Amino acid sequence: KEQLTIIKKEVTKVIEKQYKLYTTIMDKIKVEGKISIKTYEELQGKELRFIENYYNETLFPILTPMAIDTFRPFPHL
């Protein structure tokens, strides 16, 4: 239990550093005008189609568990 408490403390520190760095970088990029962050509702036309396609083709398969049985064997990697 004591070891888990120490690990949790260290992991929390790392996550806080990671979040601060991410926030700093994103703030700098936004100020420089290199990217714009939009909500899903703000997307239109090409942007919307690109995001929907990217999600369906790239993210959804990663997030969806795969069933593996005799009819669907484990994929060869």
Protein backbone atom coordinates (compact mmCIF):
# COMPACT_ATOMS: atom_id res chain seq x y z
CA LYS A 1 0.00 0.00 0.00
CA GLU A 2 2.83 2.37 0.88
CA GLN A 3 4.50 1.75 -2.47
CA LEU A 4 1.24 2.48 -4.33
CA THR A 5 0.89 5.76 -2.45
CA ILE A 6 4.40 6.80 -3.53
CA ILE A 7 3.72 5.76 -7.13
CA LYS A 8 0.45 7.71 -7.18
CA LYS A 9 2.22 10.81 -5.88
CA GLU A 10 4.90 10.61 -8.58
CA VAL A 11 2.42 9.88 -11.37
CA THR A 12 0.32 12.85 -10.26
CA LYS A 13 3.38 15.11 -10.51
CA VAL A 14 4.17 13.86 -14.02
CA ILE A 15 0.56 14.36 -15.16
CA GLU A 16 0.54 17.91 -13.75
CA LYS A 17 3.79 18.73 -15.61
CA GLN A 18 2.39 17.22 -18.78
CA TYR A 19 -0.81 19.26 -18.51
CA LYS A 20 1.11 22.50 -17.85
CA LEU A 21 3.38 21.90 -20.84
CA TYR A 22 0.42 21.06 -23.09
CA THR A 23 -1.44 24.19 -21.97
CA THR A 24 1.64 26.38 -22.48
CA ILE A 25 2.25 25.03 -25.99
CA MET A 26 -1.41 25.30 -27.01
CA ASP A 27 -1.67 28.88 -25.70
CA LYS A 28 1.45 29.87 -27.66
CA ILE A 29 0.17 28.24 -30.85
CA LYS A 30 -3.24 29.92 -30.52
CA VAL A 31 -1.66 33.35 -29.99
CA GLU A 32 0.58 32.87 -33.03
CA GLY A 33 -2.50 31.97 -35.07
CA LYS A 34 -1.02 28.67 -36.27
CA ILE A 35 -4.14 26.69 -35.42
CA SER A 36 -7.74 27.33 -34.57
CA ILE A 37 -9.74 25.09 -32.30
CA LYS A 38 -13.36 24.59 -33.24
CA THR A 39 -16.23 22.72 -31.68
CA TYR A 40 -17.94 20.01 -33.70
CA GLU A 41 -20.89 22.37 -34.24
CA GLU A 42 -18.58 24.98 -35.82
CA LEU A 43 -17.28 22.59 -38.48
CA GLN A 44 -18.72 22.83 -41.99
CA GLY A 45 -18.25 21.28 -45.40
CA LYS A 46 -14.77 19.88 -46.03
CA GLU A 47 -13.70 20.22 -42.39
CA LEU A 48 -16.70 18.26 -41.15
CA ARG A 49 -16.27 15.52 -43.76
CA PHE A 50 -12.55 15.26 -42.98
CA ILE A 51 -13.13 14.95 -39.22
CA GLU A 52 -15.93 12.41 -39.61
CA ASN A 53 -13.84 10.33 -42.02
CA TYR A 54 -10.76 10.56 -39.80
CA TYR A 55 -12.76 9.42 -36.79
CA ASN A 56 -14.47 6.56 -38.61
CA GLU A 57 -11.35 5.31 -40.41
CA THR A 58 -8.63 5.97 -37.82
CA LEU A 59 -9.92 6.51 -34.29
CA PHE A 60 -13.05 4.36 -34.07
CA PRO A 61 -11.23 1.11 -34.96
CA ILE A 62 -8.66 1.78 -32.24
CA LEU A 63 -11.30 2.55 -29.61
CA THR A 64 -13.58 -0.36 -30.47
CA PRO A 65 -12.80 -3.73 -28.88
CA MET A 66 -12.33 -6.59 -31.33
CA ALA A 67 -13.93 -9.98 -30.93
CA ILE A 68 -11.52 -12.81 -31.63
CA ASP A 69 -12.85 -16.30 -32.23
CA THR A 70 -12.54 -19.09 -34.80
CA PHE A 71 -14.41 -17.01 -37.38
CA ARG A 72 -12.39 -13.87 -36.67
CA PRO A 73 -8.83 -14.96 -35.84
CA PHE A 74 -6.30 -12.67 -34.25
CA PRO A 75 -4.91 -10.30 -36.91
CA HIS A 76 -1.37 -10.86 -38.18
CA LEU A 77 0.76 -7.92 -37.16
